[in-house]
C-alpha atoms as a PDB file:
ATOM      1  CA  MET A   1     -11.604  -7.721  15.449  1.00  0.00           C
ATOM      2  CA  GLY A   2     -11.105  -7.273  18.757  1.00  0.00           C
ATOM      3  CA  GLU A   3      -9.131  -9.755  21.169  1.00  0.00           C
ATOM      4  CA  THR A   4      -9.878 -12.391  22.472  1.00  0.00           C
ATOM      5  CA  PRO A   5      -9.427 -12.259  26.568  1.00  0.00           C
ATOM      6  CA  GLY A   6      -6.101 -14.287  27.687  1.00  0.00           C
ATOM      7  CA  LEU A   7      -4.438 -13.914  23.863  1.00  0.00           C
ATOM      8  CA  ARG A   8      -2.787 -11.441  22.313  1.00  0.00           C
ATOM      9  CA  PRO A   9      -2.442 -10.252  18.006  1.00  0.00           C
ATOM     10  CA  ALA A  10       0.378 -11.771  16.513  1.00  0.00           C
ATOM     11  CA  GLY A  11       1.420  -8.247  16.155  1.00  0.00           C
ATOM     12  CA  SER A  12       1.431  -7.334  19.751  1.00  0.00           C
ATOM     13  CA  ARG A  13       4.941  -9.759  20.086  1.00  0.00           C
ATOM     14  CA  LYS A  14       6.931  -7.774  18.655  1.00  0.00           C
ATOM     15  CA  GLY A  15       7.821  -4.938  21.227  1.00  0.00           C
ATOM     16  CA  ALA A  16       8.765  -8.427  23.508  1.00  0.00           C
ATOM     17  CA  ILE A  17      10.723  -9.844  20.567  1.00  0.00           C
ATOM     18  CA  ALA A  18      12.980  -6.460  20.108  1.00  0.00           C
ATOM     19  CA  PHE A  19      13.402  -6.204  24.197  1.00  0.00           C
ATOM     20  CA  GLY A  20      14.795  -9.843  24.753  1.00  0.00           C
ATOM     21  CA  ALA A  21      16.727  -9.866  21.416  1.00  0.00           C
ATOM     22  CA  VAL A  22      18.231  -6.447  22.455  1.00  0.00           C
ATOM     23  CA  ALA A  23      18.949  -6.996  25.866  1.00  0.00           C
ATOM     24  CA  LEU A  24      20.517 -10.824  24.677  1.00  0.00           C
ATOM     25  CA  MET A  25      22.667  -8.985  22.270  1.00  0.00           C
ATOM     26  CA  CYS A  26      23.843  -6.369  25.505  1.00  0.00           C
ATOM     27  CA  VAL A  27      24.588  -9.722  27.105  1.00  0.00           C
ATOM     28  CA  VAL A  28      26.663 -11.218  23.836  1.00  0.00           C
ATOM     29  CA  ALA A  29      28.406  -7.737  24.234  1.00  0.00           C
ATOM     30  CA  GLY A  30      29.263  -7.170  27.709  1.00  0.00           C
ATOM     31  CA  GLY A  31      30.795 -11.397  27.520  1.00  0.00           C
ATOM     32  CA  LEU A  32      33.220  -9.690  24.754  1.00  0.00           C
ATOM     33  CA  VAL A  33      33.406  -7.022  26.358  1.00  0.00           C
ATOM     34  CA  ALA A  34      34.727  -8.832  29.307  1.00  0.00           C
ATOM     35  CA  ALA A  35      37.270 -11.165  27.690  1.00  0.00           C
ATOM     36  CA  VAL A  36      38.950  -8.287  26.777  1.00  0.00           C
ATOM     37  CA  THR A  37      39.790  -6.848  29.822  1.00  0.00           C
ATOM     38  CA  GLY A  38      42.668  -8.128  31.285  1.00  0.00           C
ATOM     39  CA  PRO A  39      44.372  -8.383  28.367  1.00  0.00           C
ATOM     40  CA  LEU A  40      43.861  -4.599  27.104  1.00  0.00           C
ATOM     41  CA  HIS A  41      43.806  -3.620  31.031  1.00  0.00           C
ATOM     42  CA  LEU A  42      40.900  -1.183  30.677  1.00  0.00           C
ATOM     43  CA  GLU A  43      39.622   0.638  33.363  1.00  0.00           C
ATOM     44  CA  HIS A  44      36.123   0.312  33.767  1.00  0.00           C
ATOM     45  CA  GLY A  45      36.073  -2.583  31.498  1.00  0.00           C
ATOM     46  CA  SER A  46      34.708  -5.382  33.829  1.00  0.00           C
ATOM     47  CA  TRP A  47      32.418  -2.677  35.545  1.00  0.00           C
ATOM     48  CA  ALA A  48      31.127  -2.273  31.641  1.00  0.00           C
ATOM     49  CA  ALA A  49      30.945  -5.917  30.947  1.00  0.00           C
ATOM     50  CA  ALA A  50      28.217  -6.487  34.651  1.00  0.00           C
ATOM     51  CA  TYR A  51      26.569  -2.859  33.445  1.00  0.00           C
ATOM     52  CA  LEU A  52      25.871  -4.422  29.871  1.00  0.00           C
ATOM     53  CA  VAL A  53      24.527  -7.622  31.238  1.00  0.00           C
ATOM     54  CA  LEU A  54      23.292  -6.818  34.627  1.00  0.00           C
ATOM     55  CA  VAL A  55      21.103  -3.123  33.339  1.00  0.00           C
ATOM     56  CA  GLY A  56      21.548  -3.609  29.571  1.00  0.00           C
ATOM     57  CA  GLY A  57      20.446  -7.606  28.887  1.00  0.00           C
ATOM     58  CA  VAL A  58      18.799  -9.285  32.317  1.00  0.00           C
ATOM     59  CA  ALA A  59      17.132  -6.167  33.613  1.00  0.00           C
ATOM     60  CA  GLN A  60      15.857  -5.076  30.012  1.00  0.00           C
ATOM     61  CA  GLY A  61      15.399  -8.401  28.990  1.00  0.00           C
ATOM     62  CA  ALA A  62      13.040  -9.222  31.838  1.00  0.00           C
ATOM     63  CA  LEU A  63      10.534  -5.941  32.056  1.00  0.00           C
ATOM     64  CA  GLY A  64      10.597  -5.831  28.178  1.00  0.00           C
ATOM     65  CA  ILE A  65       9.668  -9.023  28.367  1.00  0.00           C
ATOM     66  CA  VAL A  66       6.906  -9.252  31.349  1.00  0.00           C
ATOM     67  CA  GLN A  67       5.676  -5.828  30.155  1.00  0.00           C
ATOM     68  CA  TYR A  68       3.686  -7.856  27.309  1.00  0.00           C
ATOM     69  CA  PHE A  69       2.372 -10.415  29.524  1.00  0.00           C
ATOM     70  CA  LEU A  70       1.138  -7.910  32.621  1.00  0.00           C
ATOM     71  CA  ALA A  71       0.431  -5.091  29.361  1.00  0.00           C
ATOM     72  CA  ALA A  72      -4.227  -5.061  29.790  1.00  0.00           C
ATOM     73  CA  GLN A  73      -3.772  -3.256  26.405  1.00  0.00           C
ATOM     74  CA  ARG A  74      -1.469  -4.444  23.631  1.00  0.00           C
ATOM     75  CA  PHE A  75       1.993  -3.963  23.209  1.00  0.00           C
ATOM     76  CA  VAL A  76       2.736  -1.891  20.518  1.00  0.00           C
ATOM     77  CA  GLY A  77       3.864   0.777  18.752  1.00  0.00           C
ATOM     78  CA  TRP A  78       5.202   4.084  19.491  1.00  0.00           C
ATOM     79  CA  ARG A  79       5.361   3.322  23.745  1.00  0.00           C
ATOM     80  CA  VAL A  80       7.544   0.011  22.844  1.00  0.00           C
ATOM     81  CA  ILE A  81      10.379   2.149  20.349  1.00  0.00           C
ATOM     82  CA  ALA A  82      10.334   5.485  23.298  1.00  0.00           C
ATOM     83  CA  GLU A  83      11.077   2.770  25.782  1.00  0.00           C
ATOM     84  CA  LEU A  84      13.334   0.674  23.454  1.00  0.00           C
ATOM     85  CA  VAL A  85      15.306   3.918  22.693  1.00  0.00           C
ATOM     86  CA  ALA A  86      15.288   5.443  26.111  1.00  0.00           C
ATOM     87  CA  TRP A  87      16.772   2.606  27.828  1.00  0.00           C
ATOM     88  CA  ASN A  88      19.663   1.856  25.530  1.00  0.00           C
ATOM     89  CA  GLY A  89      20.503   5.953  25.206  1.00  0.00           C
ATOM     90  CA  ALA A  90      20.387   6.256  28.249  1.00  0.00           C
ATOM     91  CA  SER A  91      22.729   2.591  28.565  1.00  0.00           C
ATOM     92  CA  ALA A  92      25.164   4.148  25.977  1.00  0.00           C
ATOM     93  CA  ALA A  93      25.462   7.641  28.087  1.00  0.00           C
ATOM     94  CA  VAL A  94      26.282   6.544  31.027  1.00  0.00           C
ATOM     95  CA  ILE A  95      28.993   3.795  30.014  1.00  0.00           C
ATOM     96  CA  GLY A  96      30.216   6.248  27.137  1.00  0.00           C
ATOM     97  CA  GLY A  97      30.428   9.124  30.287  1.00  0.00           C
ATOM     98  CA  THR A  98      31.902   6.366  32.508  1.00  0.00           C
ATOM     99  CA  LEU A  99      34.572   5.921  30.136  1.00  0.00           C
ATOM    100  CA  VAL A 100      35.353   9.488  29.557  1.00  0.00           C
ATOM    101  CA  GLY A 101      34.944  10.316  33.017  1.00  0.00           C
ATOM    102  CA  ASN A 102      32.414  13.129  32.439  1.00  0.00           C
ATOM    103  CA  PRO A 103      30.071  12.485  34.892  1.00  0.00           C
ATOM    104  CA  TRP A 104      27.117  14.929  33.298  1.00  0.00           C
ATOM    105  CA  VAL A 105      27.263  12.529  30.468  1.00  0.00           C
ATOM    106  CA  VAL A 106      26.032   9.782  33.095  1.00  0.00           C
ATOM    107  CA  ASP A 107      23.597  12.024  34.876  1.00  0.00           C
ATOM    108  CA  ALA A 108      21.648  12.450  31.109  1.00  0.00           C
ATOM    109  CA  GLY A 109      21.724   8.833  30.819  1.00  0.00           C
ATOM    110  CA  GLY A 110      20.488   8.614  34.211  1.00  0.00           C
ATOM    111  CA  ALA A 111      17.842  10.802  33.454  1.00  0.00           C
ATOM    112  CA  MET A 112      16.849   8.485  29.971  1.00  0.00           C
ATOM    113  CA  LEU A 113      16.442   5.557  31.767  1.00  0.00           C
ATOM    114  CA  VAL A 114      14.446   7.150  34.326  1.00  0.00           C
ATOM    115  CA  VAL A 115      12.091   8.043  31.336  1.00  0.00           C
ATOM    116  CA  SER A 116      12.304   4.462  30.280  1.00  0.00           C
ATOM    117  CA  LEU A 117      11.046   3.158  33.911  1.00  0.00           C
ATOM    118  CA  ALA A 118       7.910   5.677  33.418  1.00  0.00           C
ATOM    119  CA  LEU A 119       6.877   4.893  30.698  1.00  0.00           C
ATOM    120  CA  MET A 120       7.345   1.189  31.522  1.00  0.00           C
ATOM    121  CA  PHE A 121       5.407   1.770  34.451  1.00  0.00           C
ATOM    122  CA  ARG A 122       2.782   3.675  32.703  1.00  0.00           C
ATOM    123  CA  THR A 123       2.458   0.460  30.145  1.00  0.00           C
ATOM    124  CA  VAL A 124       1.342  -1.930  33.257  1.00  0.00           C
ATOM    125  CA  HIS A 125      -0.055   0.852  36.071  1.00  0.00           C
ATOM    126  CA  TRP A 126      -2.508  -0.532  37.932  1.00  0.00           C
ATOM    127  CA  ARG A 127      -5.287  -2.045  35.450  1.00  0.00           C
ATOM    128  CA  SER A 128      -2.580  -5.345  34.854  1.00  0.00           C
ATOM    129  CA  ALA A 129      -3.698  -8.593  32.701  1.00  0.00           C
ATOM    130  CA  MET A 130      -2.497 -10.926  35.438  1.00  0.00           C
ATOM    131  CA  SER A 131      -3.371 -10.374  39.055  1.00  0.00           C
ATOM    132  CA  GLY A 132      -1.034 -12.143  41.941  1.00  0.00           C
ATOM    133  CA  TRP A 133       2.429 -11.074  42.941  1.00  0.00           C
ATOM    134  CA  VAL A 134       4.100 -11.096  39.120  1.00  0.00           C
ATOM    135  CA  PRO A 135       3.093  -7.531  38.148  1.00  0.00           C
ATOM    136  CA  TRP A 136       3.908  -7.074  41.852  1.00  0.00           C
ATOM    137  CA  GLY A 137       7.158  -7.849  41.602  1.00  0.00           C
ATOM    138  CA  TYR A 138       7.538  -6.168  37.768  1.00  0.00           C
ATOM    139  CA  ARG A 139       6.750  -2.881  39.501  1.00  0.00           C
ATOM    140  CA  ALA A 140       9.447  -3.555  42.488  1.00  0.00           C
ATOM    141  CA  LEU A 141      12.355  -4.295  39.872  1.00  0.00           C
ATOM    142  CA  LEU A 142      10.772  -1.333  38.507  1.00  0.00           C
ATOM    143  CA  LEU A 143      11.268   0.233  41.731  1.00  0.00           C
ATOM    144  CA  VAL A 144      14.540  -1.521  42.941  1.00  0.00           C
ATOM    145  CA  ILE A 145      16.469   0.124  39.274  1.00  0.00           C
ATOM    146  CA  ALA A 146      14.841   3.850  39.847  1.00  0.00           C
ATOM    147  CA  VAL A 147      16.551   3.780  43.512  1.00  0.00           C
ATOM    148  CA  SER A 148      19.432   3.136  41.999  1.00  0.00           C
ATOM    149  CA  ILE A 149      19.872   5.437  39.944  1.00  0.00           C
ATOM    150  CA  PRO A 150      20.787   8.184  41.749  1.00  0.00           C
ATOM    151  CA  ILE A 151      23.456   5.891  43.854  1.00  0.00           C
ATOM    152  CA  GLY A 152      25.273   5.174  40.796  1.00  0.00           C
ATOM    153  CA  LEU A 153      24.996   8.968  40.246  1.00  0.00           C
ATOM    154  CA  VAL A 154      26.600   9.913  43.082  1.00  0.00           C
ATOM    155  CA  LEU A 155      29.011   7.936  42.287  1.00  0.00           C
ATOM    156  CA  ALA A 156      29.941   9.057  38.990  1.00  0.00           C
ATOM    157  CA  HIS A 157      31.033  12.121  40.307  1.00  0.00           C
ATOM    158  CA  PHE A 158      32.862  11.000  43.323  1.00  0.00           C
ATOM    159  CA  ARG A 159      35.367   9.163  40.842  1.00  0.00           C
ATOM    160  CA  ALA A 160      35.471  11.643  38.048  1.00  0.00           C
ATOM    161  CA  PRO A 161      38.345  13.199  37.717  1.00  0.00           C
END
């Protein structure tokens, strides 16, 4: 059964739903971390909360959901799983490496985030299902995150004990 232009099969929504659900969990987790940061005197607590909300929640949710609408082909299968695993594995490594003071673990997380960004770029690539500013905005957000990765990695090495 072929796809009608502009409409996607119900199964292809699962990837967007998965990204949205994981992003929402990261935002909630970030809020919980922020709530306990002060009372527990967590040294990197506010940073971890911000990372969970901004990178794990907002950026992941925006990129993961928007690519569903931009992808010229069906948005399901191994690529969605690989993007989710790479993005969230990267976030776990960055947060974990920062909390234990190991910048090499943060570097591994940064590398995994680059893999996820490359997969997301490839999913949409140049043949987008939409035209106009939305695909360019999507690519710009990918670029902003990609540029921020080496900056964060350098800062992790400077902050390391």
